[in-house]
Amino acid sequence: MKIHNFSAGPCILPETVLNEAAQAVSNFNNLGLSLVEISHRSPDFVAVMEEARSLVKELLHLPDRFDVLFLQGGASLGFLTAAYNFLPEGGRAAYIDSGTWANKAVKEAKHLGGIDVIGSSKASNYNEIPDLGAVPNGSAYLHYTSNNTIFGTQFSGTPQAEAPLIADMSSDIFSREFDANPYHLIYAGAQKNMGPAGTVMYAFDTEAVGKTGRSIPSYLDLQVHASKDSMFNTPSVFPVYVTMLTLRWIKSMGGVKAMEERNARKAALIYGEIDRNDLFEGHAAGNSRSTMNATFRLKEDTKAAAFDTLWKEAGISGIKGHRSVGGYRASMYNALPEESVQVLVDAMQELERTA
């Protein structure tokens, strides 16, 4: 039976990528050695790192002033890394609190300076992107989380602000096009749309770093990592390689624009059914819905056992909602085929017919 993988992360990857990665673990580049046992400074892996960095620049249409790194610690370390590199000593920054991870970014940044939360939807259990207040004059940057996996909300576009932008795009990077010019930093954990957990991508404006006036620990200093071409310490070799393969796949499929069109079709299919089927209701407000994570629930819990049986029999995996929201969550990252969304919709319609 084909398994339809809706897991929120680590999540589905293209089948061709998994096959190539499996071969590399056994015998990489016909070296007779595994990818995970060669030196990270060998010409074979240096070529992987450079191609991965180059593909990020190409696919995101990054300005020439941007550099790209693949580091460790996930976006959770990125919360602190962002503040260390862009929040001046004694300065202030603006943040948008739109979900669990956005809230954690606020918490980490408060260790280093004054933080102004200019919008929050915490009171409504983060079911929408909050209305935004003005960014205070003198703010070093405006930080936001572009997509909120737990609650199924997403910014419809780029926030407009006088301050430079910093974004955690862990769960929707490479899913839609955007203009990188207003940003000082874009960071994203790999385990949604890029590869397995274990590396995080940083794309940053090289002209904006080194101006905070603070002493930065070496591992949190983006300039240190850039000076070593992402090799300051041993990188996460396997996640970087799989990310490179995934970026190749995105390019071969038509790039980020093609991913955006594909994701829009999947989102229209699942949300159309949630709105049509009287047995279900969505968690996220209509104007805040995510194309990556559709959160929904049954209106009557008594039908949960029957629905759970239907989707499990259909080969669906990973749609249980996060404990903060409950219900169901269909994560529809780039590699998820439209066919899988249709299978879920069919299960929802079967429940309607038999309930």
Protein backbone atom coordinates (compact mmCIF):
# COMPACT_ATOMS: atom_id res chain seq x y z
CA MET A 1 0.00 0.00 0.00
CA LYS A 2 1.24 3.48 -0.83
CA ILE A 3 1.70 5.61 2.27
CA HIS A 4 0.55 9.23 2.05
CA ASN A 5 2.88 11.13 4.37
CA PHE A 6 1.38 14.28 5.92
CA SER A 7 3.90 14.49 8.77
CA ALA A 8 4.66 18.01 9.98
CA GLY A 9 8.41 17.45 10.23
CA PRO A 10 10.61 15.65 9.74
CA CYS A 11 8.50 15.25 6.68
CA ILE A 12 8.11 13.82 3.21
CA LEU A 13 10.95 14.13 0.69
CA PRO A 14 10.90 13.36 -3.06
CA GLU A 15 11.30 9.66 -3.81
CA THR A 16 14.12 10.34 -6.26
CA VAL A 17 15.99 12.24 -3.54
CA LEU A 18 15.61 9.37 -1.08
CA ASN A 19 16.90 6.89 -3.65
CA GLU A 20 19.97 8.99 -4.45
CA ALA A 21 20.65 9.59 -0.77
CA ALA A 22 20.42 5.86 -0.02
CA GLN A 23 22.97 5.14 -2.74
CA ALA A 24 25.32 7.79 -1.37
CA VAL A 25 25.21 6.25 2.10
CA SER A 26 26.39 3.00 0.55
CA ASN A 27 28.80 4.30 -2.08
CA PHE A 28 29.23 8.02 -2.66
CA ASN A 29 30.46 9.22 -6.05
CA ASN A 30 31.81 5.71 -6.77
CA LEU A 31 34.50 6.25 -4.14
CA GLY A 32 33.81 2.89 -2.53
CA LEU A 33 33.12 4.88 0.63
CA SER A 34 29.93 6.08 2.30
CA LEU A 35 29.01 9.75 2.24
CA VAL A 36 28.91 9.70 6.04
CA GLU A 37 32.49 8.40 6.42
CA ILE A 38 34.43 10.69 4.08
CA SER A 39 36.18 13.88 5.19
CA HIS A 40 34.00 16.97 5.12
CA ARG A 41 36.99 18.75 3.61
CA SER A 42 37.39 16.27 0.77
CA PRO A 43 36.84 17.69 -2.73
CA ASP A 44 33.75 15.51 -3.13
CA PHE A 45 31.92 16.96 -0.13
CA VAL A 46 33.19 20.52 -0.60
CA ALA A 47 31.53 20.36 -4.02
CA VAL A 48 28.27 19.31 -2.34
CA MET A 49 28.38 22.22 0.10
CA GLU A 50 29.14 24.73 -2.63
CA GLU A 51 26.38 23.46 -4.88
CA ALA A 52 23.85 23.56 -2.04
CA ARG A 53 24.78 27.15 -1.22
CA SER A 54 24.70 28.15 -4.87
CA LEU A 55 21.28 26.57 -5.45
CA VAL A 56 19.81 28.51 -2.52
CA LYS A 57 21.02 31.76 -4.06
CA GLU A 58 19.68 30.79 -7.47
CA LEU A 59 16.27 29.48 -6.42
CA LEU A 60 15.54 32.35 -4.01
CA HIS A 61 16.95 34.98 -6.39
CA LEU A 62 19.09 36.36 -3.58
CA PRO A 63 20.85 39.70 -4.15
CA ASP A 64 24.62 39.56 -4.67
CA ARG A 65 25.22 40.95 -1.19
CA PHE A 66 23.82 37.77 0.40
CA ASP A 67 25.84 34.81 1.61
CA VAL A 68 24.46 31.35 2.44
CA LEU A 69 25.52 29.02 5.23
CA PHE A 70 24.47 25.56 6.40
CA LEU A 71 24.95 25.30 10.16
CA GLN A 72 23.59 23.28 13.07
CA GLY A 73 21.30 23.85 16.04
CA GLY A 74 18.10 24.23 14.03
CA ALA A 75 15.95 27.34 14.01
CA SER A 76 15.87 27.19 17.83
CA LEU A 77 19.51 28.27 17.89
CA GLY A 78 18.69 30.64 15.06
CA PHE A 79 16.47 32.65 17.40
CA LEU A 80 19.56 33.61 19.40
CA THR A 81 21.91 33.77 16.41
CA ALA A 82 19.66 36.33 14.74
CA ALA A 83 19.68 38.60 17.76
CA TYR A 84 23.43 38.28 18.33
CA ASN A 85 24.22 39.30 14.77
CA PHE A 86 21.65 42.03 14.16
CA LEU A 87 20.51 43.49 17.52
CA PRO A 88 22.97 46.23 18.56
CA GLU A 89 24.27 46.45 22.10
CA GLY A 90 21.65 48.46 23.99
CA GLY A 91 19.32 48.42 20.98
CA ARG A 92 15.73 47.35 20.37
CA ALA A 93 13.97 45.17 17.80
CA ALA A 94 10.34 44.49 16.87
CA TYR A 95 8.82 41.01 16.85
CA ILE A 96 5.52 39.47 15.73
CA ASP A 97 4.14 36.74 18.00
CA SER A 98 2.12 34.52 15.67
CA GLY A 99 2.69 31.08 17.17
CA THR A 100 4.75 28.82 19.42
CA TRP A 101 8.03 29.24 17.56
CA ALA A 102 7.56 32.97 17.09
CA ASN A 103 7.00 33.25 20.83
CA LYS A 104 10.19 31.33 21.51
CA ALA A 105 12.09 33.68 19.21
CA VAL A 106 10.87 36.58 21.35
CA LYS A 107 12.01 34.81 24.51
CA GLU A 108 15.53 34.21 23.18
CA ALA A 109 15.97 37.74 21.82
CA LYS A 110 15.07 39.24 25.18
CA HIS A 111 18.38 37.92 26.51
CA LEU A 112 20.18 40.48 24.35
CA GLY A 113 18.10 43.64 24.17
CA GLY A 114 14.77 45.41 24.28
CA ILE A 115 12.04 43.64 22.36
CA ASP A 116 8.78 45.22 21.26
CA VAL A 117 6.01 42.76 20.31
CA ILE A 118 3.99 44.72 17.76
CA GLY A 119 1.34 42.04 17.21
CA SER A 120 0.19 38.83 18.88
CA SER A 121 -2.61 36.33 18.34
CA LYS A 122 -1.85 34.34 21.48
CA ALA A 123 -5.21 35.24 23.05
CA SER A 124 -7.08 33.41 20.26
CA ASN A 125 -4.78 30.36 20.42
CA TYR A 126 -2.89 31.68 17.40
CA ASN A 127 -5.70 30.99 14.95
CA GLU A 128 -4.76 33.96 12.77
CA ILE A 129 -1.93 36.25 11.75
CA PRO A 130 -2.22 39.18 14.16
CA ASP A 131 -2.94 42.77 13.25
CA LEU A 132 0.31 44.68 13.43
CA GLY A 133 1.10 47.86 15.25
CA ALA A 134 3.70 50.33 14.05
CA VAL A 135 7.33 49.32 14.20
CA PRO A 136 8.93 51.69 16.73
CA ASN A 137 11.41 54.18 15.34
CA GLY A 138 14.97 53.00 15.70
CA SER A 139 14.14 49.29 15.66
CA ALA A 140 17.11 47.30 14.39
CA TYR A 141 14.79 44.91 12.56
CA LEU A 142 11.35 43.31 12.44
CA HIS A 143 11.37 39.56 13.10
CA TYR A 144 8.53 37.24 12.08
CA THR A 145 7.83 33.54 11.53
CA SER A 146 6.43 33.20 8.03
CA ASN A 147 4.45 29.99 8.60
CA ASN A 148 3.18 28.48 11.84
CA THR A 149 3.12 24.69 11.57
CA ILE A 150 1.26 23.98 14.79
CA PHE A 151 -1.66 26.32 14.17
CA GLY A 152 -1.80 26.27 10.37
CA THR A 153 -1.39 29.99 9.78
CA GLN A 154 0.84 31.79 7.32
CA PHE A 155 1.66 35.36 6.34
CA SER A 156 0.03 35.98 2.97
CA GLY A 157 2.97 38.11 1.91
CA THR A 158 5.94 40.06 3.23
CA PRO A 159 5.21 42.38 6.18
CA GLN A 160 5.63 46.01 5.26
CA ALA A 161 7.94 47.89 7.62
CA GLU A 162 10.49 50.67 7.64
CA ALA A 163 12.89 48.38 9.49
CA PRO A 164 14.86 45.58 7.81
CA LEU A 165 13.26 42.13 8.05
CA ILE A 166 14.44 38.91 9.67
CA ALA A 167 12.37 35.79 9.08
CA ASP A 168 12.26 32.24 10.35
CA MET A 169 11.02 30.46 7.21
CA SER A 170 11.60 26.93 8.47
CA SER A 171 8.26 25.54 7.35
CA ASP A 172 7.61 27.32 4.06
CA ILE A 173 11.03 28.07 2.56
CA PHE A 174 11.10 27.29 -1.19
CA SER A 175 7.30 26.92 -1.23
CA ARG A 176 6.56 30.34 -2.77
CA GLU A 177 8.38 33.26 -4.31
CA PHE A 178 9.27 36.43 -2.40
CA ASP A 179 11.57 39.42 -2.77
CA ALA A 180 14.65 39.00 -0.58
CA ASN A 181 15.75 42.63 -0.81
CA PRO A 182 14.03 43.87 2.40
CA TYR A 183 15.71 41.17 4.51
CA HIS A 184 18.84 41.14 6.62
CA LEU A 185 18.45 37.45 7.45
CA ILE A 186 16.37 34.46 6.38
CA TYR A 187 16.88 31.22 8.29
CA ALA A 188 15.21 27.84 8.06
CA GLY A 189 15.59 24.38 9.51
CA ALA A 190 15.96 21.76 6.79
CA GLN A 191 13.36 19.27 7.99
CA LYS A 192 10.30 20.68 6.21
CA ASN A 193 11.02 21.54 2.58
CA MET A 194 14.75 20.87 2.27
CA GLY A 195 15.98 17.66 3.85
CA PRO A 196 16.32 15.68 7.07
CA ALA A 197 16.74 17.34 10.45
CA GLY A 198 20.28 18.30 11.36
CA THR A 199 21.13 21.46 9.44
CA VAL A 200 19.73 24.97 9.20
CA MET A 201 20.12 27.35 6.28
CA TYR A 202 21.11 30.98 6.89
CA ALA A 203 20.87 33.49 4.03
CA PHE A 204 22.11 36.86 5.25
CA ASP A 205 23.06 40.31 4.05
CA THR A 206 26.84 40.53 4.35
CA GLU A 207 26.64 44.34 4.38
CA ALA A 208 24.43 44.33 7.50
CA VAL A 209 26.46 42.11 9.86
CA GLY A 210 29.31 43.12 12.15
CA LYS A 211 27.62 46.31 13.31
CA THR A 212 26.12 45.37 16.68
CA GLY A 213 29.03 46.50 18.84
CA ARG A 214 28.79 43.34 20.90
CA SER A 215 31.16 40.44 21.46
CA ILE A 216 29.65 37.39 19.75
CA PRO A 217 30.57 33.80 20.68
CA SER A 218 32.36 32.27 17.70
CA TYR A 219 29.76 29.66 16.88
CA LEU A 220 26.97 32.26 16.85
CA ASP A 221 28.89 34.70 14.66
CA LEU A 222 27.74 34.49 11.04
CA GLN A 223 30.89 36.26 9.85
CA VAL A 224 33.04 33.56 11.42
CA HIS A 225 31.12 30.85 9.58
CA ALA A 226 31.19 32.79 6.31
CA SER A 227 34.97 33.17 6.55
CA LYS A 228 35.20 29.36 6.73
CA ASP A 229 32.66 28.67 3.95
CA SER A 230 30.31 26.85 6.36
CA MET A 231 33.21 24.67 7.54
CA PHE A 232 34.06 26.36 10.87
CA ASN A 233 33.27 22.99 12.45
CA THR A 234 32.32 19.64 10.94
CA PRO A 235 29.04 20.22 9.11
CA SER A 236 26.06 17.89 9.11
CA VAL A 237 27.21 16.06 6.01
CA PHE A 238 24.17 13.90 5.30
CA PRO A 239 21.49 16.61 5.81
CA VAL A 240 23.44 19.04 3.63
CA TYR A 241 23.77 16.44 0.88
CA VAL A 242 20.07 15.57 0.94
CA THR A 243 19.24 19.29 0.93
CA MET A 244 21.38 19.71 -2.17
CA LEU A 245 19.50 16.86 -3.85
CA THR A 246 16.14 18.39 -2.89
CA LEU A 247 17.17 21.77 -4.27
CA ARG A 248 18.16 20.07 -7.51
CA TRP A 249 14.72 18.47 -7.58
CA ILE A 250 12.98 21.81 -7.03
CA LYS A 251 14.97 23.31 -9.88
CA SER A 252 14.15 20.37 -12.16
CA MET A 253 10.44 20.77 -11.37
CA GLY A 254 10.44 24.40 -12.51
CA GLY A 255 11.79 26.20 -9.46
CA VAL A 256 10.02 27.95 -6.62
CA LYS A 257 7.33 29.39 -8.89
CA ALA A 258 6.28 25.88 -9.90
CA MET A 259 6.26 24.82 -6.25
CA GLU A 260 4.02 27.77 -5.40
CA GLU A 261 1.51 26.80 -8.09
CA ARG A 262 1.58 23.15 -7.02
CA ASN A 263 1.08 24.09 -3.36
CA ALA A 264 -1.81 26.42 -4.20
CA ARG A 265 -3.65 23.57 -5.91
CA LYS A 266 -3.19 21.26 -2.93
CA ALA A 267 -4.34 23.93 -0.48
CA ALA A 268 -7.41 24.72 -2.57
CA LEU A 269 -8.32 21.03 -2.61
CA ILE A 270 -8.14 20.45 1.16
CA TYR A 271 -9.63 23.78 2.25
CA GLY A 272 -12.41 23.41 -0.29
CA GLU A 273 -13.39 20.15 1.37
CA ILE A 274 -13.08 21.51 4.92
CA ASP A 275 -15.43 24.35 4.01
CA ARG A 276 -17.87 22.18 2.05
CA ASN A 277 -18.12 19.19 4.39
CA ASP A 278 -20.43 19.91 7.33
CA LEU A 279 -18.62 17.36 9.50
CA PHE A 280 -15.40 19.43 9.65
CA GLU A 281 -14.24 22.90 10.58
CA GLY A 282 -10.90 24.64 10.23
CA HIS A 283 -8.80 26.08 13.05
CA ALA A 284 -7.11 28.93 11.18
CA ALA A 285 -9.05 32.02 10.17
CA GLY A 286 -9.79 32.13 6.45
CA ASN A 287 -7.44 35.03 5.72
CA SER A 288 -4.55 33.40 7.58
CA ARG A 289 -4.64 29.85 6.27
CA SER A 290 -1.36 28.13 5.52
CA THR A 291 -0.65 26.38 2.25
CA MET A 292 1.78 24.15 4.14
CA ASN A 293 -0.25 23.00 7.16
CA ALA A 294 -4.04 22.70 7.09
CA THR A 295 -5.44 22.40 10.62
CA PHE A 296 -8.99 21.16 11.08
CA ARG A 297 -11.22 19.16 13.40
CA LEU A 298 -14.45 17.20 13.49
CA LYS A 299 -17.41 19.15 14.77
CA GLU A 300 -18.52 16.04 16.66
CA ASP A 301 -15.86 14.03 18.51
CA THR A 302 -18.10 10.97 18.38
CA LYS A 303 -17.16 10.54 14.73
CA ALA A 304 -13.40 10.50 15.40
CA ALA A 305 -13.07 6.71 15.65
CA ALA A 306 -14.80 6.20 12.31
CA PHE A 307 -12.72 8.86 10.58
CA ASP A 308 -9.48 7.55 12.06
CA THR A 309 -10.27 4.11 10.68
CA LEU A 310 -10.97 5.54 7.23
CA TRP A 311 -7.76 7.52 6.86
CA LYS A 312 -5.61 4.74 8.28
CA GLU A 313 -7.14 2.23 5.86
CA ALA A 314 -6.37 4.67 3.02
CA GLY A 315 -2.66 4.62 3.89
CA ILE A 316 -2.60 8.11 5.35
CA SER A 317 0.08 8.87 7.93
CA GLY A 318 0.90 11.82 10.17
CA ILE A 319 -2.33 13.84 10.26
CA LYS A 320 -2.95 13.91 14.01
CA GLY A 321 -3.06 17.52 15.17
CA HIS A 322 -0.58 19.03 17.58
CA ARG A 323 -1.65 18.84 21.23
CA SER A 324 -1.95 22.65 21.31
CA VAL A 325 -4.75 22.53 18.76
CA GLY A 326 -6.05 18.97 18.62
CA GLY A 327 -7.98 17.57 15.68
CA TYR A 328 -6.00 17.00 12.51
CA ARG A 329 -3.16 18.62 10.65
CA ALA A 330 -2.42 17.89 7.01
CA SER A 331 1.11 19.08 6.24
CA MET A 332 1.51 19.56 2.50
CA TYR A 333 5.14 20.39 1.87
CA ASN A 334 6.63 20.63 -1.61
CA ALA A 335 7.23 16.90 -2.08
CA LEU A 336 3.70 15.82 -1.15
CA PRO A 337 1.87 14.89 -4.38
CA GLU A 338 -1.59 16.21 -5.13
CA GLU A 339 -2.73 12.60 -5.26
CA SER A 340 -2.18 12.29 -1.50
CA VAL A 341 -4.38 15.29 -0.76
CA GLN A 342 -7.11 13.76 -2.91
CA VAL A 343 -6.89 10.53 -0.91
CA LEU A 344 -7.46 12.51 2.29
CA VAL A 345 -10.36 14.39 0.74
CA ASP A 346 -11.86 11.08 -0.37
CA ALA A 347 -11.67 9.80 3.23
CA MET A 348 -13.44 12.92 4.47
CA GLN A 349 -16.16 12.47 1.88
CA GLU A 350 -16.52 8.78 2.74
CA LEU A 351 -17.12 9.73 6.37
CA GLU A 352 -19.80 12.14 5.20
CA ARG A 353 -21.50 9.38 3.22
CA THR A 354 -21.39 6.78 6.01
CA ALA A 355 -21.71 8.82 9.20
